[in-house]
PDB file of N, CA and C in Angstrom:
ATOM      1  N   MET A   1    -145.318  20.369 101.413  1.00  0.00           N
ATOM      2  CA  MET A   1    -144.085  20.432 102.167  1.00  0.00           C
ATOM      3  C   MET A   1    -143.220  19.246 101.771  1.00  0.00           C
ATOM      4  N   ALA A   2    -141.934  19.480 101.601  1.00  0.00           N
ATOM      5  CA  ALA A   2    -141.004  18.411 101.277  1.00  0.00           C
ATOM      6  C   ALA A   2    -140.450  17.795 102.550  1.00  0.00           C
ATOM      7  N   ILE A   3    -140.139  16.525 102.474  1.00  0.00           N
ATOM      8  CA  ILE A   3    -139.511  15.825 103.580  1.00  0.00           C
ATOM      9  C   ILE A   3    -138.121  15.450 103.118  1.00  0.00           C
ATOM     10  N   GLU A   4    -137.118  15.713 103.940  1.00  0.00           N
ATOM     11  CA  GLU A   4    -135.729  15.492 103.550  1.00  0.00           C
ATOM     12  C   GLU A   4    -135.471  14.016 103.273  1.00  0.00           C
ATOM     13  N   PRO A   5    -134.795  13.704 102.157  1.00  0.00           N
ATOM     14  CA  PRO A   5    -134.506  12.306 101.825  1.00  0.00           C
ATOM     15  C   PRO A   5    -133.427  11.717 102.722  1.00  0.00           C
ATOM     16  N   THR A   6    -133.451  10.416 102.824  1.00  0.00           N
ATOM     17  CA  THR A   6    -132.427   9.684 103.554  1.00  0.00           C
ATOM     18  C   THR A   6    -132.255   8.327 102.868  1.00  0.00           C
ATOM     19  N   ASP A   7    -131.320   7.526 103.306  1.00  0.00           N
ATOM     20  CA  ASP A   7    -131.093   6.227 102.697  1.00  0.00           C
ATOM     21  C   ASP A   7    -132.045   5.205 103.313  1.00  0.00           C
ATOM     22  N   PHE A   8    -133.004   4.716 102.522  1.00  0.00           N
ATOM     23  CA  PHE A   8    -133.995   3.795 103.017  1.00  0.00           C
ATOM     24  C   PHE A   8    -133.755   2.366 102.565  1.00  0.00           C
ATOM     25  N   ALA A   9    -132.587   2.091 101.957  1.00  0.00           N
ATOM     26  CA  ALA A   9    -132.191   0.741 101.548  1.00  0.00           C
ATOM     27  C   ALA A   9    -133.303   0.035 100.769  1.00  0.00           C
ATOM     28  N   GLY A  10    -133.837   0.713  99.761  1.00  0.00           N
ATOM     29  CA  GLY A  10    -134.842   0.102  98.918  1.00  0.00           C
ATOM     30  C   GLY A  10    -136.254   0.248  99.406  1.00  0.00           C
ATOM     31  N   ALA A  11    -136.477   0.762 100.587  1.00  0.00           N
ATOM     32  CA  ALA A  11    -137.828   0.961 101.105  1.00  0.00           C
ATOM     33  C   ALA A  11    -138.444   2.187 100.434  1.00  0.00           C
ATOM     34  N   VAL A  12    -139.733   2.376 100.619  1.00  0.00           N
ATOM     35  CA  VAL A  12    -140.459   3.447  99.950  1.00  0.00           C
ATOM     36  C   VAL A  12    -140.845   4.511 100.981  1.00  0.00           C
ATOM     37  N   PRO A  13    -140.149   5.657 100.977  1.00  0.00           N
ATOM     38  CA  PRO A  13    -140.477   6.728 101.905  1.00  0.00           C
ATOM     39  C   PRO A  13    -141.551   7.666 101.341  1.00  0.00           C
ATOM     40  N   VAL A  14    -142.164   8.425 102.232  1.00  0.00           N
ATOM     41  CA  VAL A  14    -143.055   9.507 101.818  1.00  0.00           C
ATOM     42  C   VAL A  14    -142.154  10.709 101.564  1.00  0.00           C
ATOM     43  N   ASP A  15    -142.158  11.200 100.323  1.00  0.00           N
ATOM     44  CA  ASP A  15    -141.276  12.302  99.934  1.00  0.00           C
ATOM     45  C   ASP A  15    -141.839  13.675 100.289  1.00  0.00           C
ATOM     46  N   GLY A  16    -143.149  13.805 100.304  1.00  0.00           N
ATOM     47  CA  GLY A  16    -143.748  15.102 100.586  1.00  0.00           C
ATOM     48  C   GLY A  16    -145.278  14.993 100.574  1.00  0.00           C
ATOM     49  N   TYR A  17    -145.923  16.114 100.849  1.00  0.00           N
ATOM     50  CA  TYR A  17    -147.384  16.135 100.884  1.00  0.00           C
ATOM     51  C   TYR A  17    -147.844  17.574 100.704  1.00  0.00           C
ATOM     52  N   GLY A  18    -149.107  17.715 100.379  1.00  0.00           N
ATOM     53  CA  GLY A  18    -149.717  19.028 100.234  1.00  0.00           C
ATOM     54  C   GLY A  18    -151.233  18.846 100.291  1.00  0.00           C
ATOM     55  N   PRO A  19    -151.964  19.903 100.003  1.00  0.00           N
ATOM     56  CA  PRO A  19    -153.427  19.807 100.082  1.00  0.00           C
ATOM     57  C   PRO A  19    -153.974  18.727  99.145  1.00  0.00           C
ATOM     58  N   GLY A  20    -154.431  17.629  99.711  1.00  0.00           N
ATOM     59  CA  GLY A  20    -155.076  16.568  98.943  1.00  0.00           C
ATOM     60  C   GLY A  20    -154.161  15.566  98.274  1.00  0.00           C
ATOM     61  N   PHE A  21    -152.848  15.639  98.488  1.00  0.00           N
ATOM     62  CA  PHE A  21    -151.961  14.687  97.820  1.00  0.00           C
ATOM     63  C   PHE A  21    -150.766  14.326  98.695  1.00  0.00           C
ATOM     64  N   PHE A  22    -150.141  13.198  98.313  1.00  0.00           N
ATOM     65  CA  PHE A  22    -148.884  12.743  98.923  1.00  0.00           C
ATOM     66  C   PHE A  22    -147.954  12.376  97.776  1.00  0.00           C
ATOM     67  N   ARG A  23    -146.665  12.633  97.949  1.00  0.00           N
ATOM     68  CA  ARG A  23    -145.656  12.216  96.982  1.00  0.00           C
ATOM     69  C   ARG A  23    -144.868  11.078  97.625  1.00  0.00           C
ATOM     70  N   VAL A  24    -144.923   9.923  96.983  1.00  0.00           N
ATOM     71  CA  VAL A  24    -144.255   8.723  97.490  1.00  0.00           C
ATOM     72  C   VAL A  24    -143.388   8.165  96.365  1.00  0.00           C
ATOM     73  N   ALA A  25    -142.095   8.035  96.643  1.00  0.00           N
ATOM     74  CA  ALA A  25    -141.144   7.533  95.650  1.00  0.00           C
ATOM     75  C   ALA A  25    -141.274   8.332  94.342  1.00  0.00           C
ATOM     76  N   ASP A  26    -141.372   9.636  94.496  1.00  0.00           N
ATOM     77  CA  ASP A  26    -141.463  10.591  93.384  1.00  0.00           C
ATOM     78  C   ASP A  26    -142.730  10.462  92.541  1.00  0.00           C
ATOM     79  N   LYS A  27    -143.761   9.795  93.044  1.00  0.00           N
ATOM     80  CA  LYS A  27    -145.031   9.697  92.346  1.00  0.00           C
ATOM     81  C   LYS A  27    -146.113  10.369  93.196  1.00  0.00           C
ATOM     82  N   ILE A  28    -146.972  11.134  92.556  1.00  0.00           N
ATOM     83  CA  ILE A  28    -148.053  11.833  93.253  1.00  0.00           C
ATOM     84  C   ILE A  28    -149.260  10.909  93.393  1.00  0.00           C
ATOM     85  N   HIS A  29    -149.799  10.845  94.610  1.00  0.00           N
ATOM     86  CA  HIS A  29    -151.018  10.090  94.907  1.00  0.00           C
ATOM     87  C   HIS A  29    -152.035  11.082  95.462  1.00  0.00           C
ATOM     88  N   HIS A  30    -153.173  11.209  94.794  1.00  0.00           N
ATOM     89  CA  HIS A  30    -154.244  12.095  95.275  1.00  0.00           C
ATOM     90  C   HIS A  30    -155.167  11.313  96.180  1.00  0.00           C
ATOM     91  N   GLY A  31    -155.597  11.925  97.260  1.00  0.00           N
ATOM     92  CA  GLY A  31    -156.491  11.275  98.191  1.00  0.00           C
ATOM     93  C   GLY A  31    -155.734  10.404  99.178  1.00  0.00           C
ATOM     94  N   PRO A  32    -156.466   9.571  99.913  1.00  0.00           N
ATOM     95  CA  PRO A  32    -155.809   8.705 100.902  1.00  0.00           C
ATOM     96  C   PRO A  32    -154.840   7.726 100.240  1.00  0.00           C
ATOM     97  N   VAL A  33    -153.764   7.417 100.969  1.00  0.00           N
ATOM     98  CA  VAL A  33    -152.740   6.521 100.430  1.00  0.00           C
ATOM     99  C   VAL A  33    -152.261   5.572 101.517  1.00  0.00           C
ATOM    100  N   LEU A  34    -151.960   4.351 101.117  1.00  0.00           N
ATOM    101  CA  LEU A  34    -151.379   3.344 102.001  1.00  0.00           C
ATOM    102  C   LEU A  34    -149.958   3.101 101.523  1.00  0.00           C
ATOM    103  N   VAL A  35    -148.990   3.300 102.434  1.00  0.00           N
ATOM    104  CA  VAL A  35    -147.570   3.181 102.060  1.00  0.00           C
ATOM    105  C   VAL A  35    -146.926   2.114 102.930  1.00  0.00           C
ATOM    106  N   ARG A  36    -146.192   1.238 102.281  1.00  0.00           N
ATOM    107  CA  ARG A  36    -145.437   0.207 103.013  1.00  0.00           C
ATOM    108  C   ARG A  36    -144.190  -0.095 102.206  1.00  0.00           C
ATOM    109  N   GLN A  37    -143.288  -0.833 102.795  1.00  0.00           N
ATOM    110  CA  GLN A  37    -142.092  -1.199 102.054  1.00  0.00           C
ATOM    111  C   GLN A  37    -142.513  -1.931 100.786  1.00  0.00           C
ATOM    112  N   GLY A  38    -141.994  -1.472  99.685  1.00  0.00           N
ATOM    113  CA  GLY A  38    -142.335  -2.096  98.426  1.00  0.00           C
ATOM    114  C   GLY A  38    -143.324  -1.309  97.588  1.00  0.00           C
ATOM    115  N   GLY A  39    -143.991  -0.311  98.160  1.00  0.00           N
ATOM    116  CA  GLY A  39    -144.884   0.467  97.323  1.00  0.00           C
ATOM    117  C   GLY A  39    -145.945   1.242  98.057  1.00  0.00           C
ATOM    118  N   ALA A  40    -146.668   2.005  97.260  1.00  0.00           N
ATOM    119  CA  ALA A  40    -147.776   2.814  97.747  1.00  0.00           C
ATOM    120  C   ALA A  40    -148.968   2.549  96.843  1.00  0.00           C
ATOM    121  N   GLN A  41    -150.145   2.670  97.412  1.00  0.00           N
ATOM    122  CA  GLN A  41    -151.356   2.461  96.639  1.00  0.00           C
ATOM    123  C   GLN A  41    -152.447   3.366  97.164  1.00  0.00           C
ATOM    124  N   GLY A  42    -153.400   3.686  96.310  1.00  0.00           N
ATOM    125  CA  GLY A  42    -154.560   4.420  96.776  1.00  0.00           C
ATOM    126  C   GLY A  42    -155.256   3.605  97.847  1.00  0.00           C
ATOM    127  N   TRP A  43    -155.879   4.297  98.767  1.00  0.00           N
ATOM    128  CA  TRP A  43    -156.546   3.630  99.882  1.00  0.00           C
ATOM    129  C   TRP A  43    -157.923   4.268 100.029  1.00  0.00           C
ATOM    130  N   GLY A  44    -158.908   3.492 100.363  1.00  0.00           N
ATOM    131  CA  GLY A  44    -160.284   3.977 100.465  1.00  0.00           C
ATOM    132  C   GLY A  44    -160.619   4.670 101.759  1.00  0.00           C
ATOM    133  N   GLY A  45    -159.631   4.996 102.556  1.00  0.00           N
ATOM    134  CA  GLY A  45    -159.878   5.664 103.834  1.00  0.00           C
ATOM    135  C   GLY A  45    -160.257   4.676 104.916  1.00  0.00           C
ATOM    136  N   LEU A  46    -160.736   5.170 106.025  1.00  0.00           N
ATOM    137  CA  LEU A  46    -161.003   4.326 107.190  1.00  0.00           C
ATOM    138  C   LEU A  46    -162.072   3.258 106.918  1.00  0.00           C
ATOM    139  N   GLU A  47    -162.894   3.461 105.896  1.00  0.00           N
ATOM    140  CA  GLU A  47    -163.877   2.447 105.543  1.00  0.00           C
ATOM    141  C   GLU A  47    -163.239   1.255 104.848  1.00  0.00           C
ATOM    142  N   ASP A  48    -162.038   1.432 104.313  1.00  0.00           N
ATOM    143  CA  ASP A  48    -161.316   0.365 103.598  1.00  0.00           C
ATOM    144  C   ASP A  48    -160.494  -0.446 104.594  1.00  0.00           C
ATOM    145  N   ARG A  49    -161.170  -1.184 105.422  1.00  0.00           N
ATOM    146  CA  ARG A  49    -160.496  -1.966 106.461  1.00  0.00           C
ATOM    147  C   ARG A  49    -159.702  -3.133 105.893  1.00  0.00           C
ATOM    148  N   ALA A  50    -160.181  -3.693 104.792  1.00  0.00           N
ATOM    149  CA  ALA A  50    -159.532  -4.878 104.223  1.00  0.00           C
ATOM    150  C   ALA A  50    -158.081  -4.594 103.877  1.00  0.00           C
ATOM    151  N   ALA A  51    -157.797  -3.413 103.346  1.00  0.00           N
ATOM    152  CA  ALA A  51    -156.414  -3.076 102.983  1.00  0.00           C
ATOM    153  C   ALA A  51    -155.536  -3.019 104.226  1.00  0.00           C
ATOM    154  N   LEU A  52    -156.082  -2.523 105.328  1.00  0.00           N
ATOM    155  CA  LEU A  52    -155.295  -2.440 106.563  1.00  0.00           C
ATOM    156  C   LEU A  52    -155.136  -3.813 107.210  1.00  0.00           C
ATOM    157  N   LEU A  53    -156.201  -4.593 107.221  1.00  0.00           N
ATOM    158  CA  LEU A  53    -156.132  -5.929 107.811  1.00  0.00           C
ATOM    159  C   LEU A  53    -155.177  -6.828 107.046  1.00  0.00           C
ATOM    160  N   ALA A  54    -155.017  -6.588 105.749  1.00  0.00           N
ATOM    161  CA  ALA A  54    -154.091  -7.375 104.928  1.00  0.00           C
ATOM    162  C   ALA A  54    -152.632  -7.148 105.321  1.00  0.00           C
ATOM    163  N   LEU A  55    -152.368  -6.130 106.124  1.00  0.00           N
ATOM    164  CA  LEU A  55    -150.994  -5.862 106.576  1.00  0.00           C
ATOM    165  C   LEU A  55    -150.533  -6.820 107.671  1.00  0.00           C
ATOM    166  N   ALA A  56    -151.477  -7.551 108.270  1.00  0.00           N
ATOM    167  CA  ALA A  56    -151.135  -8.485 109.347  1.00  0.00           C
ATOM    168  C   ALA A  56    -150.077  -9.477 108.853  1.00  0.00           C
ATOM    169  N   GLY A  57    -149.039  -9.649 109.648  1.00  0.00           N
ATOM    170  CA  GLY A  57    -147.952 -10.536 109.302  1.00  0.00           C
ATOM    171  C   GLY A  57    -146.871  -9.880 108.451  1.00  0.00           C
ATOM    172  N   GLN A  58    -147.186  -8.713 107.885  1.00  0.00           N
ATOM    173  CA  GLN A  58    -146.227  -7.988 107.055  1.00  0.00           C
ATOM    174  C   GLN A  58    -145.580  -6.823 107.794  1.00  0.00           C
ATOM    175  N   VAL A  59    -146.326  -6.208 108.713  1.00  0.00           N
ATOM    176  CA  VAL A  59    -145.817  -5.053 109.455  1.00  0.00           C
ATOM    177  C   VAL A  59    -146.092  -5.241 110.949  1.00  0.00           C
ATOM    178  N   ASP A  60    -145.277  -4.580 111.748  1.00  0.00           N
ATOM    179  CA  ASP A  60    -145.470  -4.613 113.204  1.00  0.00           C
ATOM    180  C   ASP A  60    -146.206  -3.375 113.687  1.00  0.00           C
ATOM    181  N   VAL A  61    -146.020  -2.247 112.971  1.00  0.00           N
ATOM    182  CA  VAL A  61    -146.621  -0.982 113.368  1.00  0.00           C
ATOM    183  C   VAL A  61    -147.259  -0.321 112.158  1.00  0.00           C
ATOM    184  N   LEU A  62    -148.471   0.181 112.352  1.00  0.00           N
ATOM    185  CA  LEU A  62    -149.176   0.963 111.341  1.00  0.00           C
ATOM    186  C   LEU A  62    -149.396   2.357 111.893  1.00  0.00           C
ATOM    187  N   PHE A  63    -148.859   3.349 111.206  1.00  0.00           N
ATOM    188  CA  PHE A  63    -149.101   4.742 111.558  1.00  0.00           C
ATOM    189  C   PHE A  63    -150.297   5.203 110.724  1.00  0.00           C
ATOM    190  N   ILE A  64    -151.353   5.648 111.391  1.00  0.00           N
ATOM    191  CA  ILE A  64    -152.526   6.154 110.681  1.00  0.00           C
ATOM    192  C   ILE A  64    -152.533   7.659 110.787  1.00  0.00           C
ATOM    193  N   GLY A  65    -152.432   8.307 109.646  1.00  0.00           N
ATOM    194  CA  GLY A  65    -152.496   9.759 109.574  1.00  0.00           C
ATOM    195  C   GLY A  65    -153.949  10.182 109.386  1.00  0.00           C
ATOM    196  N   MET A  66    -154.482  10.909 110.358  1.00  0.00           N
ATOM    197  CA  MET A  66    -155.895  11.235 110.387  1.00  0.00           C
ATOM    198  C   MET A  66    -156.237  12.553 109.668  1.00  0.00           C
ATOM    199  N   GLY A  67    -155.325  13.069 108.863  1.00  0.00           N
ATOM    200  CA  GLY A  67    -155.572  14.343 108.162  1.00  0.00           C
ATOM    201  C   GLY A  67    -154.752  15.444 108.787  1.00  0.00           C
ATOM    202  N   ALA A  68    -155.247  16.665 108.700  1.00  0.00           N
ATOM    203  CA  ALA A  68    -154.505  17.818 109.183  1.00  0.00           C
ATOM    204  C   ALA A  68    -154.389  17.862 110.701  1.00  0.00           C
ATOM    205  N   GLU A  69    -155.343  17.303 111.389  1.00  0.00           N
ATOM    206  CA  GLU A  69    -155.361  17.307 112.854  1.00  0.00           C
ATOM    207  C   GLU A  69    -155.368  15.882 113.388  1.00  0.00           C
ATOM    208  N   ILE A  70    -154.867  15.730 114.587  1.00  0.00           N
ATOM    209  CA  ILE A  70    -154.908  14.407 115.217  1.00  0.00           C
ATOM    210  C   ILE A  70    -156.348  14.072 115.601  1.00  0.00           C
ATOM    211  N   ALA A  71    -156.715  12.836 115.395  1.00  0.00           N
ATOM    212  CA  ALA A  71    -158.032  12.338 115.766  1.00  0.00           C
ATOM    213  C   ALA A  71    -157.881  10.846 116.060  1.00  0.00           C
ATOM    214  N   ARG A  72    -158.882  10.279 116.663  1.00  0.00           N
ATOM    215  CA  ARG A  72    -158.832   8.846 116.972  1.00  0.00           C
ATOM    216  C   ARG A  72    -159.496   8.045 115.854  1.00  0.00           C
ATOM    217  N   PRO A  73    -158.834   6.995 115.397  1.00  0.00           N
ATOM    218  CA  PRO A  73    -159.489   6.094 114.432  1.00  0.00           C
ATOM    219  C   PRO A  73    -160.541   5.270 115.175  1.00  0.00           C
ATOM    220  N   PRO A  74    -161.435   4.628 114.457  1.00  0.00           N
ATOM    221  CA  PRO A  74    -162.461   3.803 115.109  1.00  0.00           C
ATOM    222  C   PRO A  74    -161.810   2.769 116.034  1.00  0.00           C
ATOM    223  N   SER A  75    -162.296   2.712 117.263  1.00  0.00           N
ATOM    224  CA  SER A  75    -161.688   1.824 118.258  1.00  0.00           C
ATOM    225  C   SER A  75    -161.809   0.359 117.875  1.00  0.00           C
ATOM    226  N   ASP A  76    -162.881  -0.029 117.179  1.00  0.00           N
ATOM    227  CA  ASP A  76    -163.006  -1.424 116.783  1.00  0.00           C
ATOM    228  C   ASP A  76    -161.989  -1.795 115.700  1.00  0.00           C
ATOM    229  N   LEU A  77    -161.634  -0.846 114.846  1.00  0.00           N
ATOM    230  CA  LEU A  77    -160.592  -1.078 113.852  1.00  0.00           C
ATOM    231  C   LEU A  77    -159.240  -1.270 114.522  1.00  0.00           C
ATOM    232  N   VAL A  78    -158.941  -0.411 115.477  1.00  0.00           N
ATOM    233  CA  VAL A  78    -157.686  -0.519 116.222  1.00  0.00           C
ATOM    234  C   VAL A  78    -157.615  -1.856 116.948  1.00  0.00           C
ATOM    235  N   ALA A  79    -158.702  -2.243 117.607  1.00  0.00           N
ATOM    236  CA  ALA A  79    -158.733  -3.503 118.334  1.00  0.00           C
ATOM    237  C   ALA A  79    -158.520  -4.692 117.395  1.00  0.00           C
ATOM    238  N   GLU A  80    -159.139  -4.630 116.227  1.00  0.00           N
ATOM    239  CA  GLU A  80    -159.003  -5.748 115.281  1.00  0.00           C
ATOM    240  C   GLU A  80    -157.571  -5.845 114.761  1.00  0.00           C
ATOM    241  N   LEU A  81    -156.967  -4.711 114.420  1.00  0.00           N
ATOM    242  CA  LEU A  81    -155.588  -4.724 113.958  1.00  0.00           C
ATOM    243  C   LEU A  81    -154.645  -5.240 115.038  1.00  0.00           C
ATOM    244  N   GLU A  82    -154.837  -4.739 116.265  1.00  0.00           N
ATOM    245  CA  GLU A  82    -153.962  -5.164 117.359  1.00  0.00           C
ATOM    246  C   GLU A  82    -154.140  -6.644 117.671  1.00  0.00           C
ATOM    247  N   SER A  83    -155.347  -7.191 117.486  1.00  0.00           N
ATOM    248  CA  SER A  83    -155.555  -8.618 117.718  1.00  0.00           C
ATOM    249  C   SER A  83    -154.812  -9.453 116.680  1.00  0.00           C
ATOM    250  N   LEU A  84    -154.496  -8.835 115.534  1.00  0.00           N
ATOM    251  CA  LEU A  84    -153.743  -9.514 114.474  1.00  0.00           C
ATOM    252  C   LEU A  84    -152.240  -9.256 114.579  1.00  0.00           C
ATOM    253  N   GLY A  85    -151.831  -8.540 115.640  1.00  0.00           N
ATOM    254  CA  GLY A  85    -150.409  -8.295 115.864  1.00  0.00           C
ATOM    255  C   GLY A  85    -149.884  -7.020 115.251  1.00  0.00           C
ATOM    256  N   VAL A  86    -150.762  -6.123 114.812  1.00  0.00           N
ATOM    257  CA  VAL A  86    -150.347  -4.844 114.225  1.00  0.00           C
ATOM    258  C   VAL A  86    -150.627  -3.739 115.225  1.00  0.00           C
ATOM    259  N   MET A  87    -149.567  -3.124 115.770  1.00  0.00           N
ATOM    260  CA  MET A  87    -149.729  -2.012 116.678  1.00  0.00           C
ATOM    261  C   MET A  87    -150.131  -0.778 115.886  1.00  0.00           C
ATOM    262  N   VAL A  88    -151.091  -0.016 116.391  1.00  0.00           N
ATOM    263  CA  VAL A  88    -151.609   1.153 115.675  1.00  0.00           C
ATOM    264  C   VAL A  88    -151.248   2.414 116.442  1.00  0.00           C
ATOM    265  N   GLU A  89    -150.706   3.394 115.703  1.00  0.00           N
ATOM    266  CA  GLU A  89    -150.412   4.719 116.257  1.00  0.00           C
ATOM    267  C   GLU A  89    -151.109   5.735 115.368  1.00  0.00           C
ATOM    268  N   ALA A  90    -152.048   6.487 115.928  1.00  0.00           N
ATOM    269  CA  ALA A  90    -152.761   7.511 115.181  1.00  0.00           C
ATOM    270  C   ALA A  90    -152.193   8.890 115.491  1.00  0.00           C
ATOM    271  N   MET A  91    -152.093   9.708 114.459  1.00  0.00           N
ATOM    272  CA  MET A  91    -151.573  11.067 114.605  1.00  0.00           C
ATOM    273  C   MET A  91    -152.000  11.862 113.373  1.00  0.00           C
ATOM    274  N   ALA A  92    -151.682  13.127 113.334  1.00  0.00           N
ATOM    275  CA  ALA A  92    -151.938  13.919 112.135  1.00  0.00           C
ATOM    276  C   ALA A  92    -151.105  13.356 110.984  1.00  0.00           C
ATOM    277  N   SER A  93    -151.592  13.477 109.765  1.00  0.00           N
ATOM    278  CA  SER A  93    -150.904  12.884 108.612  1.00  0.00           C
ATOM    279  C   SER A  93    -149.468  13.374 108.422  1.00  0.00           C
ATOM    280  N   PRO A  94    -149.188  14.679 108.553  1.00  0.00           N
ATOM    281  CA  PRO A  94    -147.781  15.086 108.417  1.00  0.00           C
ATOM    282  C   PRO A  94    -146.857  14.403 109.423  1.00  0.00           C
ATOM    283  N   THR A  95    -147.312  14.290 110.638  1.00  0.00           N
ATOM    284  CA  THR A  95    -146.519  13.625 111.683  1.00  0.00           C
ATOM    285  C   THR A  95    -146.401  12.134 111.382  1.00  0.00           C
ATOM    286  N   ALA A  96    -147.470  11.525 110.922  1.00  0.00           N
ATOM    287  CA  ALA A  96    -147.433  10.101 110.593  1.00  0.00           C
ATOM    288  C   ALA A  96    -146.444   9.820 109.472  1.00  0.00           C
ATOM    289  N   ALA A  97    -146.407  10.690 108.471  1.00  0.00           N
ATOM    290  CA  ALA A  97    -145.477  10.502 107.351  1.00  0.00           C
ATOM    291  C   ALA A  97    -144.032  10.606 107.831  1.00  0.00           C
ATOM    292  N   ARG A  98    -143.741  11.605 108.647  1.00  0.00           N
ATOM    293  CA  ARG A  98    -142.370  11.769 109.156  1.00  0.00           C
ATOM    294  C   ARG A  98    -141.992  10.615 110.073  1.00  0.00           C
ATOM    295  N   THR A  99    -142.886  10.204 110.934  1.00  0.00           N
ATOM    296  CA  THR A  99    -142.597   9.115 111.867  1.00  0.00           C
ATOM    297  C   THR A  99    -142.396   7.801 111.102  1.00  0.00           C
ATOM    298  N   TYR A 100    -143.211   7.582 110.081  1.00  0.00           N
ATOM    299  CA  TYR A 100    -143.045   6.402 109.229  1.00  0.00           C
ATOM    300  C   TYR A 100    -141.655   6.404 108.601  1.00  0.00           C
ATOM    301  N   ASN A 101    -141.250   7.540 108.025  1.00  0.00           N
ATOM    302  CA  ASN A 101    -139.934   7.618 107.374  1.00  0.00           C
ATOM    303  C   ASN A 101    -138.801   7.314 108.333  1.00  0.00           C
ATOM    304  N   VAL A 102    -138.850   7.891 109.526  1.00  0.00           N
ATOM    305  CA  VAL A 102    -137.791   7.668 110.512  1.00  0.00           C
ATOM    306  C   VAL A 102    -137.765   6.203 110.930  1.00  0.00           C
ATOM    307  N   THR A 103    -138.920   5.654 111.226  1.00  0.00           N
ATOM    308  CA  THR A 103    -138.996   4.263 111.682  1.00  0.00           C
ATOM    309  C   THR A 103    -138.596   3.301 110.567  1.00  0.00           C
ATOM    310  N   LEU A 104    -138.983   3.625 109.342  1.00  0.00           N
ATOM    311  CA  LEU A 104    -138.591   2.811 108.193  1.00  0.00           C
ATOM    312  C   LEU A 104    -137.078   2.814 108.019  1.00  0.00           C
ATOM    313  N   SER A 105    -136.454   3.987 108.219  1.00  0.00           N
ATOM    314  CA  SER A 105    -135.007   4.088 108.044  1.00  0.00           C
ATOM    315  C   SER A 105    -134.249   3.282 109.098  1.00  0.00           C
ATOM    316  N   GLU A 106    -134.930   2.935 110.184  1.00  0.00           N
ATOM    317  CA  GLU A 106    -134.330   2.089 111.223  1.00  0.00           C
ATOM    318  C   GLU A 106    -134.431   0.619 110.870  1.00  0.00           C
ATOM    319  N   GLY A 107    -135.067   0.317 109.737  1.00  0.00           N
ATOM    320  CA  GLY A 107    -135.191  -1.070 109.302  1.00  0.00           C
ATOM    321  C   GLY A 107    -136.369  -1.796 109.907  1.00  0.00           C
ATOM    322  N   ARG A 108    -137.314  -1.084 110.454  1.00  0.00           N
ATOM    323  CA  ARG A 108    -138.473  -1.718 111.092  1.00  0.00           C
ATOM    324  C   ARG A 108    -139.565  -2.033 110.068  1.00  0.00           C
ATOM    325  N   ARG A 109    -140.400  -2.990 110.399  1.00  0.00           N
ATOM    326  CA  ARG A 109    -141.520  -3.384 109.531  1.00  0.00           C
ATOM    327  C   ARG A 109    -142.707  -2.488 109.846  1.00  0.00           C
ATOM    328  N   VAL A 110    -142.856  -1.429 109.054  1.00  0.00           N
ATOM    329  CA  VAL A 110    -143.894  -0.429 109.306  1.00  0.00           C
ATOM    330  C   VAL A 110    -144.651  -0.095 108.017  1.00  0.00           C
ATOM    331  N   ALA A 111    -145.808   0.497 108.221  1.00  0.00           N
ATOM    332  CA  ALA A 111    -146.614   1.029 107.113  1.00  0.00           C
ATOM    333  C   ALA A 111    -147.314   2.278 107.625  1.00  0.00           C
ATOM    334  N   CYS A 112    -147.803   3.085 106.682  1.00  0.00           N
ATOM    335  CA  CYS A 112    -148.618   4.225 107.089  1.00  0.00           C
ATOM    336  C   CYS A 112    -149.814   4.328 106.152  1.00  0.00           C
ATOM    337  N   ALA A 113    -150.937   4.661 106.727  1.00  0.00           N
ATOM    338  CA  ALA A 113    -152.177   4.891 106.010  1.00  0.00           C
ATOM    339  C   ALA A 113    -152.513   6.364 106.267  1.00  0.00           C
ATOM    340  N   LEU A 114    -152.524   7.161 105.206  1.00  0.00           N
ATOM    341  CA  LEU A 114    -152.603   8.606 105.349  1.00  0.00           C
ATOM    342  C   LEU A 114    -153.848   9.181 104.718  1.00  0.00           C
ATOM    343  N   LEU A 115    -154.619   9.923 105.508  1.00  0.00           N
ATOM    344  CA  LEU A 115    -155.727  10.712 104.988  1.00  0.00           C
ATOM    345  C   LEU A 115    -155.162  12.070 104.583  1.00  0.00           C
ATOM    346  N   PRO A 116    -155.653  12.669 103.514  1.00  0.00           N
ATOM    347  CA  PRO A 116    -155.102  13.932 103.016  1.00  0.00           C
ATOM    348  C   PRO A 116    -155.229  15.069 104.017  1.00  0.00           C
ATOM    349  N   VAL A 117    -154.317  16.031 103.887  1.00  0.00           N
ATOM    350  CA  VAL A 117    -154.350  17.246 104.701  1.00  0.00           C
ATOM    351  C   VAL A 117    -155.090  18.318 103.943  1.00  0.00           C
TER     352      VAL A 117
END
């Protein structure tokens, strides 16, 4: 599914997604992806906590896309991120990608970690 483009003032939006992939800044990423202003990178999924913890001080909100359906991320991961000042919002990956794009377009310091649909 494609996501309508908007002016992100140099930020990196999620352009689209499909079974097993995400398109970010016109580049295809297979598997889980971590997206923040300045770029996207492959992500090791919920077991890759170091990549998420490294966002502390860089973002205020992290949208975690849990795949095709909404699910809860590990509560200890959420607690650790929030103790570092990163608010966590979990939702289905399509919703997380759209919410990230909208919030990013508002100029907020956000990131999204997306599990494939």
